[in-house]
């Protein structure tokens, strides 16, 4: 029987557009393991360290660094080279005393350095809710993590944002997707742009709702599903 889809690598030319590295180079590229992020919206940790950030020279050196416990992902030591790293993940290097958060900028994943205090929190988008036993509600977040709350405490809707502490996963802040909130666009041609939400317009015929945002006095239109509500002290992303 054919061994379809069970490979741990893929050809470099077939890589996701979200991985911004030259198409020319070694024929094969590491493949992200199934996990918290969609395969087209994440990159293996080895690719991030070796090809994007240029912190290691090859896969062997990357394994040595990871096995020594020098890399943390969302506050937890990560030793697997093929774990998928995606939107809003926080990658820390205790020895270097540096922290980076992963943003989507113009369709590509990009690490942006953040402060020690910013690295203590992670913004997560609510993508689904589930009613579970014990009269509790499970919030399913964009990075695969879940937060369980009491049903009477449930004020969250799909599209809202919860900021959690890492690595203990406690809700620190709730940000509702509504008029006047600061929003980060994480998808589409405007990805990486930050603006203020003015209104959400429902479209006929089952089309995705539109979101109108203001940015430096100008209006920008994108899809509602491309918005990530963020706090006022959100670090921001350089899009130039």
Protein backbone atom coordinates (compact mmCIF):
# COMPACT_ATOMS: atom_id res chain seq x y z
CA UNK A 1 0.00 0.00 0.00
CA UNK A 2 1.28 3.49 -0.88
CA UNK A 3 2.62 5.62 1.94
CA UNK A 4 0.72 8.82 1.27
CA UNK A 5 1.15 11.86 3.52
CA UNK A 6 3.30 10.11 6.09
CA UNK A 7 6.54 11.93 5.34
CA UNK A 8 8.40 14.17 7.79
CA UNK A 9 9.72 16.45 5.06
CA UNK A 10 8.55 18.11 1.86
CA UNK A 11 10.14 19.72 -1.15
CA UNK A 12 11.24 23.31 -0.61
CA UNK A 13 9.21 24.47 -3.63
CA UNK A 14 6.06 23.10 -1.99
CA UNK A 15 6.51 25.07 1.23
CA UNK A 16 3.76 27.27 2.62
CA UNK A 17 3.73 30.91 1.48
CA UNK A 18 3.75 31.81 5.16
CA UNK A 19 7.39 30.68 5.39
CA UNK A 20 9.46 33.54 4.01
CA UNK A 21 12.70 31.89 2.91
CA UNK A 22 14.31 31.66 -0.55
CA UNK A 23 12.79 29.03 -2.83
CA UNK A 24 16.23 28.07 -4.05
CA UNK A 25 18.45 26.10 -1.73
CA UNK A 26 18.35 22.58 -0.31
CA UNK A 27 15.74 20.47 -2.11
CA UNK A 28 14.08 19.20 1.08
CA UNK A 29 12.62 21.13 3.98
CA UNK A 30 11.37 19.97 7.37
CA UNK A 31 7.61 19.51 7.72
CA UNK A 32 5.61 20.67 10.73
CA UNK A 33 4.03 17.93 12.79
CA UNK A 34 0.22 18.00 13.18
CA UNK A 35 -0.61 20.23 16.12
CA UNK A 36 -2.03 23.50 17.31
CA UNK A 37 -1.68 25.47 14.05
CA UNK A 38 -2.86 24.78 10.50
CA UNK A 39 -0.04 23.42 8.36
CA UNK A 40 -0.21 26.37 5.95
CA UNK A 41 0.00 28.91 8.78
CA UNK A 42 3.01 27.67 10.71
CA UNK A 43 6.61 26.59 10.30
CA UNK A 44 8.73 23.93 12.02
CA UNK A 45 10.84 25.22 14.90
CA UNK A 46 14.01 24.10 13.11
CA UNK A 47 13.11 26.27 10.10
CA UNK A 48 12.47 29.27 12.34
CA UNK A 49 15.80 28.97 14.16
CA UNK A 50 17.96 27.95 11.19
CA UNK A 51 16.45 29.57 8.08
CA UNK A 52 14.48 32.57 9.35
CA UNK A 53 16.35 33.81 12.43
CA UNK A 54 19.77 32.38 11.43
CA UNK A 55 20.54 31.39 15.03
CA UNK A 56 21.76 27.91 14.10
CA UNK A 57 23.70 26.65 11.08
CA UNK A 58 22.04 23.29 10.46
CA UNK A 59 19.53 20.77 11.79
CA UNK A 60 22.15 18.99 13.91
CA UNK A 61 23.12 22.21 15.69
CA UNK A 62 19.44 23.04 16.18
CA UNK A 63 18.83 19.68 17.85
CA UNK A 64 21.77 20.27 20.19
CA UNK A 65 20.39 23.68 21.22
CA UNK A 66 16.90 22.31 21.77
CA UNK A 67 18.06 19.24 23.71
CA UNK A 68 19.99 21.55 26.04
CA UNK A 69 16.71 23.31 26.92
CA UNK A 70 17.78 26.70 25.55
CA UNK A 71 14.50 27.41 23.69
CA UNK A 72 11.08 28.03 25.23
CA UNK A 73 7.81 28.18 23.30
CA UNK A 74 5.01 29.91 25.21
CA UNK A 75 7.05 29.61 28.39
CA UNK A 76 7.66 25.86 28.11
CA UNK A 77 10.95 24.19 27.15
CA UNK A 78 10.60 22.77 23.64
CA UNK A 79 12.89 19.99 22.42
CA UNK A 80 11.08 18.90 19.25
CA UNK A 81 12.47 20.30 16.00
CA UNK A 82 9.30 19.81 13.96
CA UNK A 83 6.77 21.42 16.30
CA UNK A 84 4.73 24.01 14.42
CA UNK A 85 5.31 27.68 15.32
CA UNK A 86 2.56 30.06 14.27
CA UNK A 87 0.62 33.26 14.92
CA UNK A 88 1.15 34.88 18.33
CA UNK A 89 3.47 32.13 19.62
CA UNK A 90 6.21 33.42 21.91
CA UNK A 91 9.70 31.98 21.44
CA UNK A 92 12.16 32.77 24.24
CA UNK A 93 15.92 32.32 24.62
CA UNK A 94 16.79 32.55 28.34
CA UNK A 95 20.55 32.48 27.69
CA UNK A 96 20.27 35.45 25.33
CA UNK A 97 17.62 37.14 27.50
CA UNK A 98 15.50 37.73 24.42
CA UNK A 99 11.89 37.01 23.49
CA UNK A 100 10.21 37.00 20.10
CA UNK A 101 6.54 36.88 19.14
CA UNK A 102 5.37 35.50 15.80
CA UNK A 103 3.20 37.80 13.69
CA UNK A 104 1.79 37.53 10.20
CA UNK A 105 3.14 40.36 8.05
CA UNK A 106 2.12 40.61 4.39
CA UNK A 107 1.20 36.95 4.31
CA UNK A 108 4.41 35.69 5.91
CA UNK A 109 5.24 34.68 9.48
CA UNK A 110 7.78 37.00 11.07
CA UNK A 111 9.44 36.98 14.53
CA UNK A 112 9.35 40.37 16.29
CA UNK A 113 11.37 41.04 19.43
CA UNK A 114 9.31 41.89 22.50
CA UNK A 115 10.08 42.88 26.09
CA UNK A 116 10.31 40.61 29.14
CA UNK A 117 6.95 41.89 30.40
CA UNK A 118 5.21 41.38 27.03
CA UNK A 119 6.52 37.80 26.95
CA UNK A 120 4.46 36.98 30.07
CA UNK A 121 1.17 37.23 28.16
CA UNK A 122 -0.24 35.81 24.95
CA UNK A 123 -3.28 37.02 23.03
CA UNK A 124 -5.51 34.21 21.75
CA UNK A 125 -8.51 34.49 19.46
CA UNK A 126 -11.69 32.58 20.35
CA UNK A 127 -12.53 30.35 17.37
CA UNK A 128 -15.17 28.13 18.96
CA UNK A 129 -17.05 27.40 22.19
CA UNK A 130 -18.20 24.08 23.60
CA UNK A 131 -20.61 23.33 26.44
CA UNK A 132 -19.15 20.54 28.58
CA UNK A 133 -20.29 18.58 31.61
CA UNK A 134 -20.45 20.25 34.99
CA UNK A 135 -22.25 23.30 33.58
CA UNK A 136 -18.97 24.65 32.19
CA UNK A 137 -17.94 26.24 28.90
CA UNK A 138 -14.75 25.42 27.04
CA UNK A 139 -13.24 28.23 25.00
CA UNK A 140 -11.33 26.87 22.01
CA UNK A 141 -8.55 29.25 21.01
CA UNK A 142 -6.71 29.77 17.73
CA UNK A 143 -3.49 28.11 18.90
CA UNK A 144 -5.13 24.86 19.96
CA UNK A 145 -5.30 25.61 23.67
CA UNK A 146 -8.53 25.49 25.66
CA UNK A 147 -9.74 27.49 28.63
CA UNK A 148 -12.58 26.16 30.81
CA UNK A 149 -14.86 28.62 32.61
CA UNK A 150 -18.14 28.48 34.52
CA UNK A 151 -21.22 28.91 32.33
CA UNK A 152 -22.37 31.96 34.28
CA UNK A 153 -19.01 33.60 33.57
CA UNK A 154 -19.37 33.15 29.83
CA UNK A 155 -19.41 36.52 28.08
CA UNK A 156 -17.24 35.47 25.17
CA UNK A 157 -18.17 35.24 21.49
CA UNK A 158 -16.32 33.81 18.52
CA UNK A 159 -13.90 36.49 17.30
CA UNK A 160 -13.26 37.95 20.76
CA UNK A 161 -9.78 37.79 22.28
CA UNK A 162 -8.58 36.52 25.62
CA UNK A 163 -5.10 37.35 26.86
CA UNK A 164 -3.68 34.51 28.91
CA UNK A 165 -0.64 34.27 31.14
CA UNK A 166 2.01 31.81 30.07
CA UNK A 167 2.73 29.11 30.81
CA UNK A 168 -0.10 28.69 33.38
CA UNK A 169 -2.88 29.57 30.89
CA UNK A 170 -4.93 31.88 33.15
CA UNK A 171 -7.16 34.56 31.61
CA UNK A 172 -5.64 37.99 32.27
CA UNK A 173 -7.67 40.21 29.96
CA UNK A 174 -10.80 39.98 27.81
CA UNK A 175 -11.09 42.05 24.61
CA UNK A 176 -14.42 42.17 22.81
CA UNK A 177 -14.51 42.56 19.04
CA UNK A 178 -16.62 45.71 18.82
CA UNK A 179 -16.58 49.29 17.57
CA UNK A 180 -13.63 51.31 18.85
CA UNK A 181 -11.37 48.36 19.65
CA UNK A 182 -7.81 48.15 18.36
CA UNK A 183 -7.48 45.37 15.78
CA UNK A 184 -4.55 43.56 14.21
CA UNK A 185 -5.16 42.16 10.71
CA UNK A 186 -3.55 38.73 10.55
CA UNK A 187 -4.68 37.56 7.13
CA UNK A 188 -5.08 38.90 3.60
CA UNK A 189 -3.19 41.59 1.73
CA UNK A 190 -3.32 43.94 4.74
CA UNK A 191 -1.82 41.41 7.17
CA UNK A 192 0.38 43.09 9.75
CA UNK A 193 -1.67 46.31 9.74
CA UNK A 194 -3.20 47.66 12.95
CA UNK A 195 -6.27 49.90 12.98
CA UNK A 196 -9.36 50.84 14.96
CA UNK A 197 -12.61 49.05 14.18
CA UNK A 198 -15.37 51.42 13.04
CA UNK A 199 -18.10 48.98 12.04
CA UNK A 200 -18.88 45.45 10.89
CA UNK A 201 -21.10 45.18 7.82
CA UNK A 202 -23.06 42.00 7.12
CA UNK A 203 -22.93 41.00 3.45
CA UNK A 204 -25.77 39.39 1.48
CA UNK A 205 -25.74 35.94 -0.04
CA UNK A 206 -23.71 34.30 2.67
CA UNK A 207 -20.60 36.33 1.88
CA UNK A 208 -18.14 37.00 4.75
CA UNK A 209 -18.93 40.10 6.81
CA UNK A 210 -16.82 43.16 6.07
CA UNK A 211 -14.93 45.15 8.68
CA UNK A 212 -14.26 48.87 8.28
CA UNK A 213 -11.24 50.19 10.15
CA UNK A 214 -9.61 53.60 10.49
CA UNK A 215 -5.84 53.89 10.12
CA UNK A 216 -4.09 57.27 10.36
CA UNK A 217 -7.22 59.05 9.16
CA UNK A 218 -7.82 56.66 6.29
CA UNK A 219 -10.41 53.90 6.00
CA UNK A 220 -9.44 50.31 5.36
CA UNK A 221 -11.83 47.47 4.49
CA UNK A 222 -11.13 43.80 5.15
CA UNK A 223 -13.01 40.69 6.25
CA UNK A 224 -14.25 40.37 9.81
CA UNK A 225 -12.64 36.92 10.01
CA UNK A 226 -9.23 38.51 9.41
CA UNK A 227 -9.38 40.61 12.59
CA UNK A 228 -7.63 39.94 15.88
CA UNK A 229 -8.83 42.27 18.65
CA UNK A 230 -5.84 43.39 20.72
CA UNK A 231 -5.10 45.44 23.83
CA UNK A 232 -4.13 49.12 23.67
CA UNK A 233 -0.56 48.23 24.68
CA UNK A 234 -0.21 45.66 21.89
CA UNK A 235 3.45 45.85 20.74
CA UNK A 236 2.64 46.41 17.10
CA UNK A 237 4.28 45.12 13.95
CA UNK A 238 6.60 46.80 11.48
CA UNK A 239 5.10 46.29 8.01
CA UNK A 240 7.61 48.17 5.91
